[in-house]
PDB file of N, CA and C in Angstrom:
ATOM      1  N   UNK A   1     -74.205  21.659  37.281  1.00  0.00           N
ATOM      2  CA  UNK A   1     -74.269  22.003  35.888  1.00  0.00           C
ATOM      3  C   UNK A   1     -72.970  22.654  35.425  1.00  0.00           C
ATOM      4  N   UNK A   2     -72.311  23.410  36.248  1.00  0.00           N
ATOM      5  CA  UNK A   2     -71.058  24.038  35.847  1.00  0.00           C
ATOM      6  C   UNK A   2     -69.939  23.025  35.711  1.00  0.00           C
ATOM      7  N   UNK A   3     -70.052  21.862  36.360  1.00  0.00           N
ATOM      8  CA  UNK A   3     -69.008  20.844  36.250  1.00  0.00           C
ATOM      9  C   UNK A   3     -69.010  20.179  34.883  1.00  0.00           C
ATOM     10  N   UNK A   4     -70.146  20.081  34.217  1.00  0.00           N
ATOM     11  CA  UNK A   4     -70.208  19.427  32.915  1.00  0.00           C
ATOM     12  C   UNK A   4     -69.716  20.333  31.785  1.00  0.00           C
ATOM     13  N   UNK A   5     -69.779  21.636  31.968  1.00  0.00           N
ATOM     14  CA  UNK A   5     -69.349  22.557  30.933  1.00  0.00           C
ATOM     15  C   UNK A   5     -67.858  22.406  30.599  1.00  0.00           C
ATOM     16  N   UNK A   6     -66.942  22.423  31.559  1.00  0.00           N
ATOM     17  CA  UNK A   6     -65.527  22.233  31.220  1.00  0.00           C
ATOM     18  C   UNK A   6     -65.257  20.859  30.615  1.00  0.00           C
ATOM     19  N   UNK A   7     -65.937  19.825  31.095  1.00  0.00           N
ATOM     20  CA  UNK A   7     -65.737  18.481  30.568  1.00  0.00           C
ATOM     21  C   UNK A   7     -66.174  18.421  29.110  1.00  0.00           C
ATOM     22  N   UNK A   8     -67.275  19.071  28.775  1.00  0.00           N
ATOM     23  CA  UNK A   8     -67.767  19.113  27.406  1.00  0.00           C
ATOM     24  C   UNK A   8     -66.770  19.834  26.505  1.00  0.00           C
ATOM     25  N   UNK A   9     -66.257  20.943  26.987  1.00  0.00           N
ATOM     26  CA  UNK A   9     -65.262  21.679  26.206  1.00  0.00           C
ATOM     27  C   UNK A   9     -63.995  20.854  26.025  1.00  0.00           C
ATOM     28  N   UNK A  10     -63.591  20.169  27.060  1.00  0.00           N
ATOM     29  CA  UNK A  10     -62.396  19.337  26.978  1.00  0.00           C
ATOM     30  C   UNK A  10     -62.572  18.226  25.948  1.00  0.00           C
ATOM     31  N   UNK A  11     -63.733  17.587  25.947  1.00  0.00           N
ATOM     32  CA  UNK A  11     -64.003  16.531  24.969  1.00  0.00           C
ATOM     33  C   UNK A  11     -64.051  17.086  23.548  1.00  0.00           C
ATOM     34  N   UNK A  12     -64.614  18.256  23.397  1.00  0.00           N
ATOM     35  CA  UNK A  12     -64.680  18.886  22.082  1.00  0.00           C
ATOM     36  C   UNK A  12     -63.285  19.209  21.566  1.00  0.00           C
ATOM     37  N   UNK A  13     -62.468  19.784  22.418  1.00  0.00           N
ATOM     38  CA  UNK A  13     -61.088  20.112  22.030  1.00  0.00           C
ATOM     39  C   UNK A  13     -60.305  18.836  21.731  1.00  0.00           C
ATOM     40  N   UNK A  14     -60.469  17.808  22.542  1.00  0.00           N
ATOM     41  CA  UNK A  14     -59.765  16.543  22.310  1.00  0.00           C
ATOM     42  C   UNK A  14     -60.196  15.922  20.994  1.00  0.00           C
ATOM     43  N   UNK A  15     -61.475  15.963  20.692  1.00  0.00           N
ATOM     44  CA  UNK A  15     -61.975  15.405  19.427  1.00  0.00           C
ATOM     45  C   UNK A  15     -61.427  16.194  18.238  1.00  0.00           C
ATOM     46  N   UNK A  16     -61.402  17.510  18.360  1.00  0.00           N
ATOM     47  CA  UNK A  16     -60.879  18.340  17.276  1.00  0.00           C
ATOM     48  C   UNK A  16     -59.394  18.086  17.040  1.00  0.00           C
ATOM     49  N   UNK A  17     -58.635  17.975  18.104  1.00  0.00           N
ATOM     50  CA  UNK A  17     -57.199  17.688  17.967  1.00  0.00           C
ATOM     51  C   UNK A  17     -56.970  16.298  17.373  1.00  0.00           C
ATOM     52  N   UNK A  18     -57.745  15.331  17.813  1.00  0.00           N
ATOM     53  CA  UNK A  18     -57.613  13.979  17.269  1.00  0.00           C
ATOM     54  C   UNK A  18     -57.926  13.936  15.784  1.00  0.00           C
ATOM     55  N   UNK A  19     -58.992  14.607  15.381  1.00  0.00           N
ATOM     56  CA  UNK A  19     -59.365  14.656  13.972  1.00  0.00           C
ATOM     57  C   UNK A  19     -58.278  15.344  13.145  1.00  0.00           C
ATOM     58  N   UNK A  20     -57.766  16.458  13.654  1.00  0.00           N
ATOM     59  CA  UNK A  20     -56.716  17.190  12.955  1.00  0.00           C
ATOM     60  C   UNK A  20     -55.468  16.323  12.778  1.00  0.00           C
ATOM     61  N   UNK A  21     -55.063  15.643  13.832  1.00  0.00           N
ATOM     62  CA  UNK A  21     -53.883  14.774  13.749  1.00  0.00           C
ATOM     63  C   UNK A  21     -54.103  13.642  12.750  1.00  0.00           C
ATOM     64  N   UNK A  22     -55.292  13.071  12.760  1.00  0.00           N
ATOM     65  CA  UNK A  22     -55.594  11.966  11.844  1.00  0.00           C
ATOM     66  C   UNK A  22     -55.563  12.432  10.394  1.00  0.00           C
ATOM     67  N   UNK A  23     -56.255  13.528  10.086  1.00  0.00           N
ATOM     68  CA  UNK A  23     -56.305  13.986   8.701  1.00  0.00           C
ATOM     69  C   UNK A  23     -54.969  14.540   8.238  1.00  0.00           C
ATOM     70  N   UNK A  24     -54.223  15.183   9.119  1.00  0.00           N
ATOM     71  CA  UNK A  24     -52.904  15.687   8.729  1.00  0.00           C
ATOM     72  C   UNK A  24     -51.987  14.539   8.347  1.00  0.00           C
ATOM     73  N   UNK A  25     -52.009  13.473   9.114  1.00  0.00           N
ATOM     74  CA  UNK A  25     -51.186  12.306   8.807  1.00  0.00           C
ATOM     75  C   UNK A  25     -51.587  11.651   7.498  1.00  0.00           C
ATOM     76  N   UNK A  26     -52.874  11.598   7.222  1.00  0.00           N
ATOM     77  CA  UNK A  26     -53.346  10.988   5.978  1.00  0.00           C
ATOM     78  C   UNK A  26     -52.960  11.819   4.769  1.00  0.00           C
ATOM     79  N   UNK A  27     -52.976  13.132   4.913  1.00  0.00           N
ATOM     80  CA  UNK A  27     -52.665  14.000   3.783  1.00  0.00           C
ATOM     81  C   UNK A  27     -51.175  14.130   3.528  1.00  0.00           C
ATOM     82  N   UNK A  28     -50.351  13.892   4.537  1.00  0.00           N
ATOM     83  CA  UNK A  28     -48.912  14.068   4.362  1.00  0.00           C
ATOM     84  C   UNK A  28     -48.164  12.744   4.243  1.00  0.00           C
ATOM     85  N   UNK A  29     -48.875  11.635   4.118  1.00  0.00           N
ATOM     86  CA  UNK A  29     -48.211  10.331   3.970  1.00  0.00           C
ATOM     87  C   UNK A  29     -47.407  10.316   2.677  1.00  0.00           C
ATOM     88  N   UNK A  30     -46.265   9.669   2.661  1.00  0.00           N
ATOM     89  CA  UNK A  30     -45.455   9.613   1.450  1.00  0.00           C
ATOM     90  C   UNK A  30     -46.204   8.928   0.311  1.00  0.00           C
ATOM     91  N   UNK A  31     -45.863   9.315  -0.910  1.00  0.00           N
ATOM     92  CA  UNK A  31     -46.508   8.728  -2.084  1.00  0.00           C
ATOM     93  C   UNK A  31     -46.410   7.209  -2.042  1.00  0.00           C
ATOM     94  N   UNK A  32     -45.254   6.670  -1.668  1.00  0.00           N
ATOM     95  CA  UNK A  32     -45.052   5.227  -1.672  1.00  0.00           C
ATOM     96  C   UNK A  32     -45.913   4.517  -0.627  1.00  0.00           C
ATOM     97  N   UNK A  33     -46.330   5.209   0.405  1.00  0.00           N
ATOM     98  CA  UNK A  33     -47.071   4.583   1.497  1.00  0.00           C
ATOM     99  C   UNK A  33     -48.568   4.509   1.234  1.00  0.00           C
ATOM    100  N   UNK A  34     -49.021   5.113   0.205  1.00  0.00           N
ATOM    101  CA  UNK A  34     -50.459   5.118  -0.075  1.00  0.00           C
ATOM    102  C   UNK A  34     -50.826   3.900  -0.907  1.00  0.00           C
ATOM    103  N   UNK A  35     -51.182   2.824  -0.241  1.00  0.00           N
ATOM    104  CA  UNK A  35     -51.473   1.568  -0.927  1.00  0.00           C
ATOM    105  C   UNK A  35     -52.822   1.564  -1.613  1.00  0.00           C
ATOM    106  N   UNK A  36     -53.681   2.522  -1.336  1.00  0.00           N
ATOM    107  CA  UNK A  36     -55.010   2.543  -1.914  1.00  0.00           C
ATOM    108  C   UNK A  36     -55.002   3.071  -3.351  1.00  0.00           C
ATOM    109  N   UNK A  37     -53.869   3.427  -3.883  1.00  0.00           N
ATOM    110  CA  UNK A  37     -53.791   3.995  -5.224  1.00  0.00           C
ATOM    111  C   UNK A  37     -54.150   2.950  -6.273  1.00  0.00           C
ATOM    112  N   UNK A  38     -54.971   3.344  -7.224  1.00  0.00           N
ATOM    113  CA  UNK A  38     -55.349   2.480  -8.342  1.00  0.00           C
ATOM    114  C   UNK A  38     -54.286   2.568  -9.438  1.00  0.00           C
ATOM    115  N   UNK A  39     -53.867   3.811  -9.729  1.00  0.00           N
ATOM    116  CA  UNK A  39     -52.814   4.034 -10.720  1.00  0.00           C
ATOM    117  C   UNK A  39     -51.500   4.320  -9.997  1.00  0.00           C
ATOM    118  N   UNK A  40     -50.435   3.666 -10.436  1.00  0.00           N
ATOM    119  CA  UNK A  40     -49.091   3.929  -9.917  1.00  0.00           C
ATOM    120  C   UNK A  40     -48.186   4.134 -11.121  1.00  0.00           C
ATOM    121  N   UNK A  41     -47.456   5.249 -11.088  1.00  0.00           N
ATOM    122  CA  UNK A  41     -46.696   5.661 -12.264  1.00  0.00           C
ATOM    123  C   UNK A  41     -45.259   5.999 -11.880  1.00  0.00           C
ATOM    124  N   UNK A  42     -44.333   5.561 -12.710  1.00  0.00           N
ATOM    125  CA  UNK A  42     -42.917   5.928 -12.579  1.00  0.00           C
ATOM    126  C   UNK A  42     -42.585   6.795 -13.780  1.00  0.00           C
ATOM    127  N   UNK A  43     -42.123   8.014 -13.535  1.00  0.00           N
ATOM    128  CA  UNK A  43     -41.783   8.951 -14.600  1.00  0.00           C
ATOM    129  C   UNK A  43     -40.316   8.812 -14.991  1.00  0.00           C
ATOM    130  N   UNK A  44     -39.996   9.230 -16.202  1.00  0.00           N
ATOM    131  CA  UNK A  44     -38.607   9.194 -16.660  1.00  0.00           C
ATOM    132  C   UNK A  44     -37.763  10.229 -15.923  1.00  0.00           C
ATOM    133  N   UNK A  45     -38.385  11.347 -15.557  1.00  0.00           N
ATOM    134  CA  UNK A  45     -37.688  12.420 -14.844  1.00  0.00           C
ATOM    135  C   UNK A  45     -38.597  12.960 -13.748  1.00  0.00           C
ATOM    136  N   UNK A  46     -38.021  13.485 -12.691  1.00  0.00           N
ATOM    137  CA  UNK A  46     -38.853  14.092 -11.640  1.00  0.00           C
ATOM    138  C   UNK A  46     -39.686  15.252 -12.194  1.00  0.00           C
ATOM    139  N   UNK A  47     -40.860  15.438 -11.616  1.00  0.00           N
ATOM    140  CA  UNK A  47     -41.723  16.551 -12.002  1.00  0.00           C
ATOM    141  C   UNK A  47     -41.861  17.525 -10.841  1.00  0.00           C
ATOM    142  N   UNK A  48     -42.000  18.786 -11.170  1.00  0.00           N
ATOM    143  CA  UNK A  48     -42.196  19.806 -10.142  1.00  0.00           C
ATOM    144  C   UNK A  48     -43.666  19.909  -9.744  1.00  0.00           C
ATOM    145  N   UNK A  49     -44.536  19.329 -10.549  1.00  0.00           N
ATOM    146  CA  UNK A  49     -45.966  19.389 -10.271  1.00  0.00           C
ATOM    147  C   UNK A  49     -46.326  18.397  -9.163  1.00  0.00           C
ATOM    148  N   UNK A  50     -47.019  18.891  -8.148  1.00  0.00           N
ATOM    149  CA  UNK A  50     -47.415  18.016  -7.045  1.00  0.00           C
ATOM    150  C   UNK A  50     -48.783  17.405  -7.280  1.00  0.00           C
ATOM    151  N   UNK A  51     -49.624  18.071  -8.046  1.00  0.00           N
ATOM    152  CA  UNK A  51     -50.969  17.572  -8.323  1.00  0.00           C
ATOM    153  C   UNK A  51     -51.298  17.838  -9.775  1.00  0.00           C
ATOM    154  N   UNK A  52     -51.742  16.798 -10.480  1.00  0.00           N
ATOM    155  CA  UNK A  52     -52.082  16.908 -11.889  1.00  0.00           C
ATOM    156  C   UNK A  52     -53.477  16.320 -12.077  1.00  0.00           C
ATOM    157  N   UNK A  53     -54.363  17.066 -12.721  1.00  0.00           N
ATOM    158  CA  UNK A  53     -55.717  16.581 -12.981  1.00  0.00           C
ATOM    159  C   UNK A  53     -55.759  16.037 -14.404  1.00  0.00           C
ATOM    160  N   UNK A  54     -56.126  14.766 -14.528  1.00  0.00           N
ATOM    161  CA  UNK A  54     -56.230  14.105 -15.820  1.00  0.00           C
ATOM    162  C   UNK A  54     -57.638  13.546 -15.953  1.00  0.00           C
ATOM    163  N   UNK A  55     -58.409  14.105 -16.867  1.00  0.00           N
ATOM    164  CA  UNK A  55     -59.785  13.665 -17.114  1.00  0.00           C
ATOM    165  C   UNK A  55     -60.584  13.532 -15.816  1.00  0.00           C
ATOM    166  N   UNK A  56     -60.445  14.520 -14.951  1.00  0.00           N
ATOM    167  CA  UNK A  56     -61.197  14.554 -13.710  1.00  0.00           C
ATOM    168  C   UNK A  56     -60.598  13.757 -12.569  1.00  0.00           C
ATOM    169  N   UNK A  57     -59.463  13.133 -12.785  1.00  0.00           N
ATOM    170  CA  UNK A  57     -58.797  12.335 -11.763  1.00  0.00           C
ATOM    171  C   UNK A  57     -57.539  13.057 -11.301  1.00  0.00           C
ATOM    172  N   UNK A  58     -57.375  13.183  -9.992  1.00  0.00           N
ATOM    173  CA  UNK A  58     -56.222  13.888  -9.437  1.00  0.00           C
ATOM    174  C   UNK A  58     -55.064  12.924  -9.204  1.00  0.00           C
ATOM    175  N   UNK A  59     -53.968  13.150  -9.894  1.00  0.00           N
ATOM    176  CA  UNK A  59     -52.732  12.411  -9.667  1.00  0.00           C
ATOM    177  C   UNK A  59     -51.885  13.228  -8.699  1.00  0.00           C
ATOM    178  N   UNK A  60     -51.379  12.585  -7.672  1.00  0.00           N
ATOM    179  CA  UNK A  60     -50.476  13.218  -6.712  1.00  0.00           C
ATOM    180  C   UNK A  60     -49.076  12.744  -7.061  1.00  0.00           C
ATOM    181  N   UNK A  61     -48.186  13.696  -7.301  1.00  0.00           N
ATOM    182  CA  UNK A  61     -46.830  13.353  -7.736  1.00  0.00           C
ATOM    183  C   UNK A  61     -45.802  13.864  -6.737  1.00  0.00           C
ATOM    184  N   UNK A  62     -44.747  13.086  -6.595  1.00  0.00           N
ATOM    185  CA  UNK A  62     -43.600  13.481  -5.795  1.00  0.00           C
ATOM    186  C   UNK A  62     -42.375  12.905  -6.490  1.00  0.00           C
ATOM    187  N   UNK A  63     -41.455  13.789  -6.818  1.00  0.00           N
ATOM    188  CA  UNK A  63     -40.244  13.412  -7.547  1.00  0.00           C
ATOM    189  C   UNK A  63     -40.623  12.736  -8.864  1.00  0.00           C
ATOM    190  N   UNK A  64     -40.289  11.457  -9.030  1.00  0.00           N
ATOM    191  CA  UNK A  64     -40.573  10.765 -10.294  1.00  0.00           C
ATOM    192  C   UNK A  64     -41.668   9.711 -10.149  1.00  0.00           C
ATOM    193  N   UNK A  65     -42.547   9.877  -9.146  1.00  0.00           N
ATOM    194  CA  UNK A  65     -43.648   8.930  -8.931  1.00  0.00           C
ATOM    195  C   UNK A  65     -44.962   9.690  -8.837  1.00  0.00           C
ATOM    196  N   UNK A  66     -46.022   9.075  -9.376  1.00  0.00           N
ATOM    197  CA  UNK A  66     -47.369   9.636  -9.272  1.00  0.00           C
ATOM    198  C   UNK A  66     -48.337   8.509  -8.930  1.00  0.00           C
ATOM    199  N   UNK A  67     -49.394   8.848  -8.198  1.00  0.00           N
ATOM    200  CA  UNK A  67     -50.445   7.892  -7.872  1.00  0.00           C
ATOM    201  C   UNK A  67     -51.790   8.587  -8.011  1.00  0.00           C
ATOM    202  N   UNK A  68     -52.836   7.766  -8.170  1.00  0.00           N
ATOM    203  CA  UNK A  68     -54.189   8.324  -8.247  1.00  0.00           C
ATOM    204  C   UNK A  68     -55.201   7.229  -7.956  1.00  0.00           C
ATOM    205  N   UNK A  69     -56.372   7.663  -7.555  1.00  0.00           N
ATOM    206  CA  UNK A  69     -57.504   6.748  -7.401  1.00  0.00           C
ATOM    207  C   UNK A  69     -58.027   6.409  -8.796  1.00  0.00           C
ATOM    208  N   UNK A  70     -58.919   5.447  -8.865  1.00  0.00           N
ATOM    209  CA  UNK A  70     -59.463   5.022 -10.148  1.00  0.00           C
ATOM    210  C   UNK A  70     -60.249   6.139 -10.800  1.00  0.00           C
ATOM    211  N   UNK A  71     -60.001   6.333 -12.093  1.00  0.00           N
ATOM    212  CA  UNK A  71     -60.720   7.339 -12.858  1.00  0.00           C
ATOM    213  C   UNK A  71     -61.777   6.688 -13.729  1.00  0.00           C
ATOM    214  N   UNK A  72     -62.444   7.496 -14.511  1.00  0.00           N
ATOM    215  CA  UNK A  72     -63.530   6.990 -15.374  1.00  0.00           C
ATOM    216  C   UNK A  72     -63.047   6.555 -16.743  1.00  0.00           C
ATOM    217  N   UNK A  73     -61.841   6.957 -17.121  1.00  0.00           N
ATOM    218  CA  UNK A  73     -61.316   6.621 -18.445  1.00  0.00           C
ATOM    219  C   UNK A  73     -60.495   5.340 -18.392  1.00  0.00           C
ATOM    220  N   UNK A  74     -60.298   4.752 -19.577  1.00  0.00           N
ATOM    221  CA  UNK A  74     -59.453   3.566 -19.664  1.00  0.00           C
ATOM    222  C   UNK A  74     -58.027   3.916 -19.253  1.00  0.00           C
ATOM    223  N   UNK A  75     -57.315   2.929 -18.756  1.00  0.00           N
ATOM    224  CA  UNK A  75     -55.950   3.145 -18.274  1.00  0.00           C
ATOM    225  C   UNK A  75     -55.047   3.682 -19.380  1.00  0.00           C
ATOM    226  N   UNK A  76     -55.219   3.206 -20.606  1.00  0.00           N
ATOM    227  CA  UNK A  76     -54.391   3.678 -21.723  1.00  0.00           C
ATOM    228  C   UNK A  76     -54.601   5.172 -21.967  1.00  0.00           C
ATOM    229  N   UNK A  77     -55.836   5.624 -21.827  1.00  0.00           N
ATOM    230  CA  UNK A  77     -56.140   7.045 -22.010  1.00  0.00           C
ATOM    231  C   UNK A  77     -55.511   7.854 -20.886  1.00  0.00           C
ATOM    232  N   UNK A  78     -55.641   7.371 -19.658  1.00  0.00           N
ATOM    233  CA  UNK A  78     -55.061   8.069 -18.507  1.00  0.00           C
ATOM    234  C   UNK A  78     -53.548   8.195 -18.658  1.00  0.00           C
ATOM    235  N   UNK A  79     -52.911   7.136 -19.097  1.00  0.00           N
ATOM    236  CA  UNK A  79     -51.458   7.143 -19.270  1.00  0.00           C
ATOM    237  C   UNK A  79     -51.045   8.199 -20.285  1.00  0.00           C
ATOM    238  N   UNK A  80     -51.698   8.209 -21.449  1.00  0.00           N
ATOM    239  CA  UNK A  80     -51.359   9.168 -22.491  1.00  0.00           C
ATOM    240  C   UNK A  80     -51.582  10.613 -22.059  1.00  0.00           C
ATOM    241  N   UNK A  81     -52.689  10.853 -21.374  1.00  0.00           N
ATOM    242  CA  UNK A  81     -52.987  12.219 -20.924  1.00  0.00           C
ATOM    243  C   UNK A  81     -52.024  12.662 -19.820  1.00  0.00           C
ATOM    244  N   UNK A  82     -51.664  11.744 -18.928  1.00  0.00           N
ATOM    245  CA  UNK A  82     -50.706  12.099 -17.877  1.00  0.00           C
ATOM    246  C   UNK A  82     -49.350  12.416 -18.488  1.00  0.00           C
ATOM    247  N   UNK A  83     -48.947  11.640 -19.472  1.00  0.00           N
ATOM    248  CA  UNK A  83     -47.667  11.878 -20.143  1.00  0.00           C
ATOM    249  C   UNK A  83     -47.613  13.267 -20.756  1.00  0.00           C
ATOM    250  N   UNK A  84     -48.727  13.737 -21.294  1.00  0.00           N
ATOM    251  CA  UNK A  84     -48.761  15.084 -21.874  1.00  0.00           C
ATOM    252  C   UNK A  84     -48.548  16.164 -20.814  1.00  0.00           C
ATOM    253  N   UNK A  85     -48.906  15.859 -19.579  1.00  0.00           N
ATOM    254  CA  UNK A  85     -48.780  16.823 -18.492  1.00  0.00           C
ATOM    255  C   UNK A  85     -47.416  16.789 -17.800  1.00  0.00           C
ATOM    256  N   UNK A  86     -46.843  15.588 -17.618  1.00  0.00           N
ATOM    257  CA  UNK A  86     -45.632  15.459 -16.797  1.00  0.00           C
ATOM    258  C   UNK A  86     -44.414  14.913 -17.541  1.00  0.00           C
ATOM    259  N   UNK A  87     -44.575  14.499 -18.775  1.00  0.00           N
ATOM    260  CA  UNK A  87     -43.442  13.989 -19.535  1.00  0.00           C
ATOM    261  C   UNK A  87     -43.448  12.470 -19.655  1.00  0.00           C
ATOM    262  N   UNK A  88     -42.385  11.921 -20.240  1.00  0.00           N
ATOM    263  CA  UNK A  88     -42.321  10.489 -20.517  1.00  0.00           C
ATOM    264  C   UNK A  88     -42.517   9.607 -19.276  1.00  0.00           C
ATOM    265  N   UNK A  89     -43.169   8.477 -19.506  1.00  0.00           N
ATOM    266  CA  UNK A  89     -43.492   7.533 -18.435  1.00  0.00           C
ATOM    267  C   UNK A  89     -42.681   6.263 -18.627  1.00  0.00           C
ATOM    268  N   UNK A  90     -42.075   5.786 -17.550  1.00  0.00           N
ATOM    269  CA  UNK A  90     -41.263   4.568 -17.575  1.00  0.00           C
ATOM    270  C   UNK A  90     -42.111   3.340 -17.265  1.00  0.00           C
ATOM    271  N   UNK A  91     -42.991   3.455 -16.264  1.00  0.00           N
ATOM    272  CA  UNK A  91     -43.891   2.340 -15.939  1.00  0.00           C
ATOM    273  C   UNK A  91     -45.236   2.900 -15.497  1.00  0.00           C
ATOM    274  N   UNK A  92     -46.286   2.124 -15.762  1.00  0.00           N
ATOM    275  CA  UNK A  92     -47.648   2.531 -15.430  1.00  0.00           C
ATOM    276  C   UNK A  92     -48.401   1.269 -15.058  1.00  0.00           C
ATOM    277  N   UNK A  93     -49.069   1.295 -13.919  1.00  0.00           N
ATOM    278  CA  UNK A  93     -49.899   0.153 -13.538  1.00  0.00           C
ATOM    279  C   UNK A  93     -51.271   0.642 -13.118  1.00  0.00           C
ATOM    280  N   UNK A  94     -52.258  -0.177 -13.407  1.00  0.00           N
ATOM    281  CA  UNK A  94     -53.635   0.117 -13.041  1.00  0.00           C
ATOM    282  C   UNK A  94     -54.187  -1.088 -12.306  1.00  0.00           C
ATOM    283  N   UNK A  95     -54.642  -0.883 -11.089  1.00  0.00           N
ATOM    284  CA  UNK A  95     -55.197  -1.947 -10.250  1.00  0.00           C
ATOM    285  C   UNK A  95     -54.212  -3.107 -10.092  1.00  0.00           C
ATOM    286  N   UNK A  96     -52.922  -2.781  -9.990  1.00  0.00           N
ATOM    287  CA  UNK A  96     -51.895  -3.792  -9.758  1.00  0.00           C
ATOM    288  C   UNK A  96     -51.376  -4.475 -11.005  1.00  0.00           C
ATOM    289  N   UNK A  97     -51.931  -4.146 -12.172  1.00  0.00           N
ATOM    290  CA  UNK A  97     -51.484  -4.750 -13.424  1.00  0.00           C
ATOM    291  C   UNK A  97     -50.602  -3.769 -14.171  1.00  0.00           C
ATOM    292  N   UNK A  98     -49.345  -4.143 -14.358  1.00  0.00           N
ATOM    293  CA  UNK A  98     -48.381  -3.267 -15.018  1.00  0.00           C
ATOM    294  C   UNK A  98     -48.559  -3.297 -16.534  1.00  0.00           C
ATOM    295  N   UNK A  99     -48.352  -2.146 -17.146  1.00  0.00           N
ATOM    296  CA  UNK A  99     -48.385  -2.062 -18.599  1.00  0.00           C
ATOM    297  C   UNK A  99     -47.195  -2.828 -19.182  1.00  0.00           C
ATOM    298  N   UNK A 100     -47.386  -3.380 -20.369  1.00  0.00           N
ATOM    299  CA  UNK A 100     -46.300  -4.036 -21.094  1.00  0.00           C
ATOM    300  C   UNK A 100     -45.421  -2.958 -21.730  1.00  0.00           C
ATOM    301  N   UNK A 101     -44.276  -3.372 -22.253  1.00  0.00           N
ATOM    302  CA  UNK A 101     -43.377  -2.437 -22.934  1.00  0.00           C
ATOM    303  C   UNK A 101     -44.086  -1.796 -24.124  1.00  0.00           C
ATOM    304  N   UNK A 102     -44.917  -2.565 -24.824  1.00  0.00           N
ATOM    305  CA  UNK A 102     -45.653  -2.036 -25.973  1.00  0.00           C
ATOM    306  C   UNK A 102     -46.677  -0.985 -25.533  1.00  0.00           C
ATOM    307  N   UNK A 103     -47.349  -1.229 -24.419  1.00  0.00           N
ATOM    308  CA  UNK A 103     -48.327  -0.260 -23.913  1.00  0.00           C
ATOM    309  C   UNK A 103     -47.644   1.032 -23.458  1.00  0.00           C
ATOM    310  N   UNK A 104     -46.473   0.903 -22.832  1.00  0.00           N
ATOM    311  CA  UNK A 104     -45.720   2.089 -22.401  1.00  0.00           C
ATOM    312  C   UNK A 104     -45.274   2.881 -23.630  1.00  0.00           C
ATOM    313  N   UNK A 105     -44.805   2.175 -24.663  1.00  0.00           N
ATOM    314  CA  UNK A 105     -44.383   2.866 -25.898  1.00  0.00           C
ATOM    315  C   UNK A 105     -45.552   3.612 -26.531  1.00  0.00           C
ATOM    316  N   UNK A 106     -46.728   2.989 -26.564  1.00  0.00           N
ATOM    317  CA  UNK A 106     -47.909   3.650 -27.117  1.00  0.00           C
ATOM    318  C   UNK A 106     -48.307   4.854 -26.261  1.00  0.00           C
ATOM    319  N   UNK A 107     -48.199   4.716 -24.956  1.00  0.00           N
ATOM    320  CA  UNK A 107     -48.512   5.821 -24.043  1.00  0.00           C
ATOM    321  C   UNK A 107     -47.604   7.012 -24.299  1.00  0.00           C
ATOM    322  N   UNK A 108     -46.327   6.757 -24.482  1.00  0.00           N
ATOM    323  CA  UNK A 108     -45.363   7.821 -24.687  1.00  0.00           C
ATOM    324  C   UNK A 108     -45.417   8.391 -26.110  1.00  0.00           C
ATOM    325  N   UNK A 109     -46.042   7.675 -27.049  1.00  0.00           N
ATOM    326  CA  UNK A 109     -46.128   8.116 -28.428  1.00  0.00           C
ATOM    327  C   UNK A 109     -47.285   9.066 -28.677  1.00  0.00           C
ATOM    328  N   UNK A 110     -48.312   8.987 -27.877  1.00  0.00           N
ATOM    329  CA  UNK A 110     -49.515   9.839 -28.094  1.00  0.00           C
ATOM    330  C   UNK A 110     -49.199  11.295 -28.037  1.00  0.00           C
TER     331      UNK A 110
END
């Protein structure tokens, strides 16, 4: 019975270290490497804000790029609200579809 105790502890420690390494890597991946993003945004200027909440959706920003998972609002609304938080937007795409020049102008005008 004493032989299984160290093995159990070893497995527990190994599992904890593995989980920590996995989640740390997922949380520190570069903005460009996160392909699961629904919204991808290019800002006119870099922002100092690393996380911006827009209508309940968290945008993660680094330098002049921001990404986010799909939110509940229309893409045009998300674009306008994000612009109010981080400044002018150069490009905005939702689910792989890029906004037109007219949509970007409307986003920056709100």
